[in-house]
C-alpha atoms as a PDB file:
ATOM      1  CA  MET A   1      71.971 -33.335  46.903  1.00  0.00           C
ATOM      2  CA  SER A   2      72.132 -33.108  43.117  1.00  0.00           C
ATOM      3  CA  GLN A   3      72.610 -29.760  41.437  1.00  0.00           C
ATOM      4  CA  GLN A   4      69.623 -28.012  39.918  1.00  0.00           C
ATOM      5  CA  THR A   5      69.548 -27.814  36.134  1.00  0.00           C
ATOM      6  CA  LEU A   6      69.645 -24.407  34.459  1.00  0.00           C
ATOM      7  CA  VAL A   7      68.769 -24.494  30.780  1.00  0.00           C
ATOM      8  CA  ILE A   8      70.543 -21.857  28.696  1.00  0.00           C
ATOM      9  CA  ALA A   9      67.942 -21.155  26.044  1.00  0.00           C
ATOM     10  CA  THR A  10      70.099 -21.085  22.928  1.00  0.00           C
ATOM     11  CA  ARG A  11      71.510 -23.297  20.197  1.00  0.00           C
ATOM     12  CA  ASN A  12      73.980 -20.624  19.088  1.00  0.00           C
ATOM     13  CA  SER A  13      77.429 -22.065  19.803  1.00  0.00           C
ATOM     14  CA  GLY A  14      79.075 -18.653  20.094  1.00  0.00           C
ATOM     15  CA  LYS A  15      76.493 -17.350  22.521  1.00  0.00           C
ATOM     16  CA  LEU A  16      76.559 -20.619  24.479  1.00  0.00           C
ATOM     17  CA  PHE A  17      80.345 -20.416  24.901  1.00  0.00           C
ATOM     18  CA  GLU A  18      80.081 -16.825  26.126  1.00  0.00           C
ATOM     19  CA  LEU A  19      77.254 -17.589  28.561  1.00  0.00           C
ATOM     20  CA  ARG A  20      79.010 -20.679  29.926  1.00  0.00           C
ATOM     21  CA  GLN A  21      82.108 -18.589  30.646  1.00  0.00           C
ATOM     22  CA  LEU A  22      80.033 -16.058  32.557  1.00  0.00           C
ATOM     23  CA  LEU A  23      77.840 -18.565  34.413  1.00  0.00           C
ATOM     24  CA  ARG A  24      80.443 -21.204  35.284  1.00  0.00           C
ATOM     25  CA  VAL A  25      80.711 -19.936  38.883  1.00  0.00           C
ATOM     26  CA  LEU A  26      77.129 -20.978  39.645  1.00  0.00           C
ATOM     27  CA  PRO A  27      76.263 -24.235  41.449  1.00  0.00           C
ATOM     28  CA  PHE A  28      73.965 -25.339  38.632  1.00  0.00           C
ATOM     29  CA  THR A  29      74.198 -28.041  35.997  1.00  0.00           C
ATOM     30  CA  LEU A  30      74.251 -25.997  32.785  1.00  0.00           C
ATOM     31  CA  CYS A  31      72.859 -27.327  29.523  1.00  0.00           C
ATOM     32  CA  ASP A  32      71.535 -25.809  26.309  1.00  0.00           C
ATOM     33  CA  LEU A  33      68.621 -26.562  24.006  1.00  0.00           C
ATOM     34  CA  ASN A  34      70.637 -29.162  22.111  1.00  0.00           C
ATOM     35  CA  SER A  35      70.073 -31.388  25.147  1.00  0.00           C
ATOM     36  CA  PHE A  36      66.331 -31.278  24.400  1.00  0.00           C
ATOM     37  CA  PRO A  37      65.902 -32.352  20.755  1.00  0.00           C
ATOM     38  CA  LEU A  38      62.096 -32.360  20.966  1.00  0.00           C
ATOM     39  CA  VAL A  39      61.842 -28.749  22.106  1.00  0.00           C
ATOM     40  CA  GLU A  40      60.081 -26.507  19.595  1.00  0.00           C
ATOM     41  CA  SER A  41      61.662 -23.171  18.680  1.00  0.00           C
ATOM     42  CA  VAL A  42      60.067 -20.016  20.030  1.00  0.00           C
ATOM     43  CA  GLU A  43      59.122 -17.185  17.690  1.00  0.00           C
ATOM     44  CA  GLU A  44      60.504 -13.857  18.859  1.00  0.00           C
ATOM     45  CA  THR A  45      57.476 -11.594  18.567  1.00  0.00           C
ATOM     46  CA  GLY A  46      58.357  -9.010  21.211  1.00  0.00           C
ATOM     47  CA  ALA A  47      58.859  -5.321  20.485  1.00  0.00           C
ATOM     48  CA  THR A  48      61.790  -5.080  22.907  1.00  0.00           C
ATOM     49  CA  PHE A  49      64.758  -7.213  23.907  1.00  0.00           C
ATOM     50  CA  ALA A  50      63.211  -7.752  27.359  1.00  0.00           C
ATOM     51  CA  GLU A  51      59.929  -8.987  25.878  1.00  0.00           C
ATOM     52  CA  ASN A  52      61.729 -11.463  23.634  1.00  0.00           C
ATOM     53  CA  ALA A  53      63.918 -12.723  26.477  1.00  0.00           C
ATOM     54  CA  CYS A  54      60.843 -13.286  28.652  1.00  0.00           C
ATOM     55  CA  VAL A  55      58.986 -15.134  25.892  1.00  0.00           C
ATOM     56  CA  LYS A  56      61.927 -17.477  25.346  1.00  0.00           C
ATOM     57  CA  ALA A  57      62.602 -18.071  29.049  1.00  0.00           C
ATOM     58  CA  ARG A  58      58.932 -18.773  29.781  1.00  0.00           C
ATOM     59  CA  VAL A  59      58.265 -21.174  26.913  1.00  0.00           C
ATOM     60  CA  TYR A  60      61.554 -23.063  27.070  1.00  0.00           C
ATOM     61  CA  ALA A  61      61.191 -23.497  30.838  1.00  0.00           C
ATOM     62  CA  GLN A  62      57.751 -24.992  30.327  1.00  0.00           C
ATOM     63  CA  GLN A  63      58.940 -27.292  27.550  1.00  0.00           C
ATOM     64  CA  THR A  64      62.027 -28.538  29.398  1.00  0.00           C
ATOM     65  CA  ARG A  65      60.381 -28.471  32.848  1.00  0.00           C
ATOM     66  CA  SER A  66      63.521 -26.825  34.175  1.00  0.00           C
ATOM     67  CA  MET A  67      64.591 -23.364  35.206  1.00  0.00           C
ATOM     68  CA  ALA A  68      65.583 -21.513  32.035  1.00  0.00           C
ATOM     69  CA  LEU A  69      67.730 -18.495  31.311  1.00  0.00           C
ATOM     70  CA  ALA A  70      67.184 -16.708  28.009  1.00  0.00           C
ATOM     71  CA  ASP A  71      68.770 -13.623  26.579  1.00  0.00           C
ATOM     72  CA  ASP A  72      67.861 -11.423  23.671  1.00  0.00           C
ATOM     73  CA  SER A  73      70.535  -9.096  22.420  1.00  0.00           C
ATOM     74  CA  GLY A  74      71.146  -6.866  19.478  1.00  0.00           C
ATOM     75  CA  LEU A  75      72.854  -3.892  17.960  1.00  0.00           C
ATOM     76  CA  GLU A  76      71.299  -0.428  17.774  1.00  0.00           C
ATOM     77  CA  VAL A  77      72.932   2.000  15.336  1.00  0.00           C
ATOM     78  CA  ASN A  78      72.241   5.674  15.921  1.00  0.00           C
ATOM     79  CA  SER A  79      72.111   6.877  12.313  1.00  0.00           C
ATOM     80  CA  LEU A  80      69.925   3.926  11.288  1.00  0.00           C
ATOM     81  CA  GLY A  81      67.215   4.938  13.753  1.00  0.00           C
ATOM     82  CA  GLY A  82      68.159   2.178  16.187  1.00  0.00           C
ATOM     83  CA  ALA A  83      68.196  -0.570  13.553  1.00  0.00           C
ATOM     84  CA  PRO A  84      68.726  -3.467  13.378  1.00  0.00           C
ATOM     85  CA  GLY A  85      67.556  -3.633  17.019  1.00  0.00           C
ATOM     86  CA  VAL A  86      65.379  -6.641  17.860  1.00  0.00           C
ATOM     87  CA  TYR A  87      65.803  -7.780  14.249  1.00  0.00           C
ATOM     88  CA  SER A  88      69.607  -8.046  14.590  1.00  0.00           C
ATOM     89  CA  ALA A  89      69.666 -11.819  14.064  1.00  0.00           C
ATOM     90  CA  ARG A  90      67.270 -11.586  11.088  1.00  0.00           C
ATOM     91  CA  TYR A  91      68.582  -8.371   9.545  1.00  0.00           C
ATOM     92  CA  ALA A  92      69.596  -9.985   6.249  1.00  0.00           C
ATOM     93  CA  GLY A  93      66.764 -12.526   6.257  1.00  0.00           C
ATOM     94  CA  ASP A  94      66.317 -15.943   7.822  1.00  0.00           C
ATOM     95  CA  GLY A  95      69.313 -18.201   7.359  1.00  0.00           C
ATOM     96  CA  ALA A  96      71.725 -15.368   6.555  1.00  0.00           C
ATOM     97  CA  SER A  97      75.269 -15.655   7.869  1.00  0.00           C
ATOM     98  CA  ASP A  98      76.944 -13.277  10.299  1.00  0.00           C
ATOM     99  CA  ALA A  99      79.000 -11.926   7.402  1.00  0.00           C
ATOM    100  CA  GLN A 100      75.887 -11.224   5.311  1.00  0.00           C
ATOM    101  CA  ARG A 101      74.226  -9.337   8.165  1.00  0.00           C
ATOM    102  CA  THR A 102      77.393  -7.356   8.773  1.00  0.00           C
ATOM    103  CA  ASP A 103      77.778  -6.502   5.077  1.00  0.00           C
ATOM    104  CA  LYS A 104      74.180  -5.268   4.892  1.00  0.00           C
ATOM    105  CA  LEU A 105      74.619  -3.061   7.942  1.00  0.00           C
ATOM    106  CA  LEU A 106      77.846  -1.529   6.640  1.00  0.00           C
ATOM    107  CA  ALA A 107      76.198  -0.863   3.262  1.00  0.00           C
ATOM    108  CA  LYS A 108      73.229   0.834   4.950  1.00  0.00           C
ATOM    109  CA  LEU A 109      75.520   2.872   7.160  1.00  0.00           C
ATOM    110  CA  SER A 110      77.534   4.117   4.196  1.00  0.00           C
ATOM    111  CA  LYS A 111      74.368   5.862   2.939  1.00  0.00           C
ATOM    112  CA  ALA A 112      73.351   7.258   6.331  1.00  0.00           C
ATOM    113  CA  ILE A 113      74.453  10.364   8.227  1.00  0.00           C
ATOM    114  CA  PRO A 114      78.156  10.924   7.366  1.00  0.00           C
ATOM    115  CA  GLY A 115      80.494  10.525  10.311  1.00  0.00           C
ATOM    116  CA  ASP A 116      77.847   9.267  12.727  1.00  0.00           C
ATOM    117  CA  ARG A 117      78.882   5.724  13.570  1.00  0.00           C
ATOM    118  CA  ALA A 118      77.666   5.685  17.168  1.00  0.00           C
ATOM    119  CA  ALA A 119      76.025   2.432  18.242  1.00  0.00           C
ATOM    120  CA  ARG A 120      75.299   0.317  21.254  1.00  0.00           C
ATOM    121  CA  PHE A 121      74.823  -3.328  22.052  1.00  0.00           C
ATOM    122  CA  VAL A 122      71.829  -4.093  24.279  1.00  0.00           C
ATOM    123  CA  SER A 123      71.098  -7.325  26.145  1.00  0.00           C
ATOM    124  CA  ALA A 124      68.170  -8.488  28.244  1.00  0.00           C
ATOM    125  CA  VAL A 125      68.398 -11.662  30.347  1.00  0.00           C
ATOM    126  CA  ALA A 126      65.281 -13.331  31.735  1.00  0.00           C
ATOM    127  CA  ILE A 127      65.011 -16.255  34.139  1.00  0.00           C
ATOM    128  CA  ALA A 128      61.888 -18.400  34.455  1.00  0.00           C
ATOM    129  CA  ASN A 129      61.112 -21.250  36.832  1.00  0.00           C
ATOM    130  CA  SER A 130      60.076 -24.697  35.602  1.00  0.00           C
ATOM    131  CA  ALA A 131      56.420 -23.613  35.547  1.00  0.00           C
ATOM    132  CA  GLY A 132      57.245 -20.738  33.198  1.00  0.00           C
ATOM    133  CA  ARG A 133      56.908 -17.892  35.696  1.00  0.00           C
ATOM    134  CA  ILE A 134      59.385 -15.056  35.117  1.00  0.00           C
ATOM    135  CA  LEU A 135      61.540 -14.650  38.207  1.00  0.00           C
ATOM    136  CA  ASN A 136      64.003 -11.980  37.129  1.00  0.00           C
ATOM    137  CA  VAL A 137      64.859  -9.698  34.199  1.00  0.00           C
ATOM    138  CA  SER A 138      68.105  -7.737  33.935  1.00  0.00           C
ATOM    139  CA  LEU A 139      69.421  -5.373  31.263  1.00  0.00           C
ATOM    140  CA  GLY A 140      72.879  -4.437  30.027  1.00  0.00           C
ATOM    141  CA  VAL A 141      74.214  -1.869  27.552  1.00  0.00           C
ATOM    142  CA  CYS A 142      77.628  -1.362  25.944  1.00  0.00           C
ATOM    143  CA  ASP A 143      78.113   1.892  24.028  1.00  0.00           C
ATOM    144  CA  GLY A 144      80.541   2.202  21.151  1.00  0.00           C
ATOM    145  CA  ARG A 145      80.844   2.808  17.425  1.00  0.00           C
ATOM    146  CA  ILE A 146      80.833   0.892  14.163  1.00  0.00           C
ATOM    147  CA  ALA A 147      84.181   0.160  12.502  1.00  0.00           C
ATOM    148  CA  GLU A 148      84.755   0.933   8.820  1.00  0.00           C
ATOM    149  CA  VAL A 149      85.444  -2.737   8.028  1.00  0.00           C
ATOM    150  CA  PRO A 150      85.220  -6.012   9.991  1.00  0.00           C
ATOM    151  CA  ARG A 151      88.273  -6.717  12.153  1.00  0.00           C
ATOM    152  CA  GLY A 152      89.074  -9.822  14.156  1.00  0.00           C
ATOM    153  CA  SER A 153      87.656 -13.323  14.272  1.00  0.00           C
ATOM    154  CA  ASN A 154      86.747 -13.635  17.931  1.00  0.00           C
ATOM    155  CA  GLY A 155      83.158 -13.624  19.137  1.00  0.00           C
ATOM    156  CA  PHE A 156      80.186 -13.870  16.782  1.00  0.00           C
ATOM    157  CA  GLY A 157      77.470 -11.784  15.158  1.00  0.00           C
ATOM    158  CA  TYR A 158      78.380  -8.110  14.763  1.00  0.00           C
ATOM    159  CA  ASP A 159      81.406  -8.364  17.075  1.00  0.00           C
ATOM    160  CA  PRO A 160      83.991  -7.727  14.291  1.00  0.00           C
ATOM    161  CA  ILE A 161      82.491  -4.287  13.505  1.00  0.00           C
ATOM    162  CA  PHE A 162      81.712  -3.019  17.017  1.00  0.00           C
ATOM    163  CA  ILE A 163      84.305  -0.923  18.860  1.00  0.00           C
ATOM    164  CA  PRO A 164      83.350  -0.397  22.524  1.00  0.00           C
ATOM    165  CA  ASP A 165      83.917   3.035  24.052  1.00  0.00           C
ATOM    166  CA  GLY A 166      87.391   3.383  25.535  1.00  0.00           C
ATOM    167  CA  TYR A 167      88.941   0.865  23.142  1.00  0.00           C
ATOM    168  CA  SER A 168      90.430   0.934  19.652  1.00  0.00           C
ATOM    169  CA  GLN A 169      89.817  -2.764  19.021  1.00  0.00           C
ATOM    170  CA  THR A 170      86.569  -4.392  17.975  1.00  0.00           C
ATOM    171  CA  PHE A 171      84.859  -7.094  20.004  1.00  0.00           C
ATOM    172  CA  GLY A 172      86.213  -9.419  17.325  1.00  0.00           C
ATOM    173  CA  GLU A 173      89.771  -8.444  18.268  1.00  0.00           C
ATOM    174  CA  LEU A 174      89.423  -8.255  22.060  1.00  0.00           C
ATOM    175  CA  SER A 175      90.089 -11.305  24.206  1.00  0.00           C
ATOM    176  CA  ASP A 176      87.264 -13.260  25.814  1.00  0.00           C
ATOM    177  CA  GLU A 177      88.490 -12.074  29.214  1.00  0.00           C
ATOM    178  CA  VAL A 178      88.125  -8.399  28.313  1.00  0.00           C
ATOM    179  CA  LYS A 179      84.843  -8.842  26.466  1.00  0.00           C
ATOM    180  CA  ASN A 180      83.362 -10.764  29.392  1.00  0.00           C
ATOM    181  CA  GLN A 181      84.045  -7.765  31.615  1.00  0.00           C
ATOM    182  CA  ILE A 182      82.640  -4.975  29.443  1.00  0.00           C
ATOM    183  CA  SER A 183      80.038  -6.468  27.099  1.00  0.00           C
ATOM    184  CA  HIS A 184      76.304  -5.780  27.198  1.00  0.00           C
ATOM    185  CA  ARG A 185      75.673  -9.452  27.924  1.00  0.00           C
ATOM    186  CA  ALA A 186      78.175  -9.414  30.796  1.00  0.00           C
ATOM    187  CA  TYR A 187      76.400  -6.444  32.402  1.00  0.00           C
ATOM    188  CA  ALA A 188      72.977  -8.068  32.001  1.00  0.00           C
ATOM    189  CA  LEU A 189      74.269 -11.353  33.397  1.00  0.00           C
ATOM    190  CA  LYS A 190      75.662  -9.651  36.498  1.00  0.00           C
ATOM    191  CA  GLY A 191      72.076  -8.979  37.556  1.00  0.00           C
ATOM    192  CA  ALA A 192      71.077 -12.531  36.670  1.00  0.00           C
ATOM    193  CA  LEU A 193      74.043 -13.939  38.609  1.00  0.00           C
ATOM    194  CA  ASP A 194      73.140 -11.932  41.690  1.00  0.00           C
ATOM    195  CA  PHE A 195      69.589 -13.258  41.514  1.00  0.00           C
ATOM    196  CA  LEU A 196      70.656 -16.880  40.990  1.00  0.00           C
ATOM    197  CA  ARG A 197      73.146 -16.628  43.842  1.00  0.00           C
ATOM    198  CA  SER A 198      70.344 -15.376  46.086  1.00  0.00           C
ATOM    199  CA  LEU A 199      68.339 -18.472  45.180  1.00  0.00           C
ATOM    200  CA  THR A 200      71.155 -20.848  46.100  1.00  0.00           C
ATOM    201  CA  THR A 201      71.883 -18.925  49.314  1.00  0.00           C
ATOM    202  CA  ALA A 202      68.231 -19.069  50.309  1.00  0.00           C
ATOM    203  CA  SER A 203      68.040 -22.809  49.619  1.00  0.00           C
ATOM    204  CA  GLY A 204      71.202 -23.344  51.621  1.00  0.00           C
ATOM    205  CA  ASP A 205      69.621 -21.651  54.628  1.00  0.00           C
ATOM    206  CA  ASP A 206      66.756 -24.142  54.779  1.00  0.00           C
END
């Protein structure tokens, strides 16, 4: 019996690497959106991470006619009123680099409440079946603070300026092994993994 395909709804190489590391234990054939060149991009119009994850999972599942897993993640900074939030990937405008988004956030933070650098990463992971019906949504949070300057080259996005609670290193300095145990995406994916395992267990009982 051939393995079922699970489409990871991203073209972001950094995110894809991270998700593959976390999902490799599953008995699914994993592929990303680059395997479907005719798939049209989905506009993220949701007001929350969960809404955006559901929109992406639903539409990409319908377009690829496969089960799809989509995540929407972002950084919420306390003294910026929760910004950049769901706009994390577009914080410095469409097409901006990770470095440009990071520079803008640090500049904004320098003018905000002095000394308050508390922040948290939030992730929502949604799974939809091939018909586009949402089967499961799970959430994960990692609390921490914003570093004074970027440190480290590991990870992607805002990783070089985020220091998780209990650590002195940024996500950009921590190893993949450590990050995959404590990150917001890791926590959200634990719920998704449990759900996907239940699917394979149920099918194995038939």
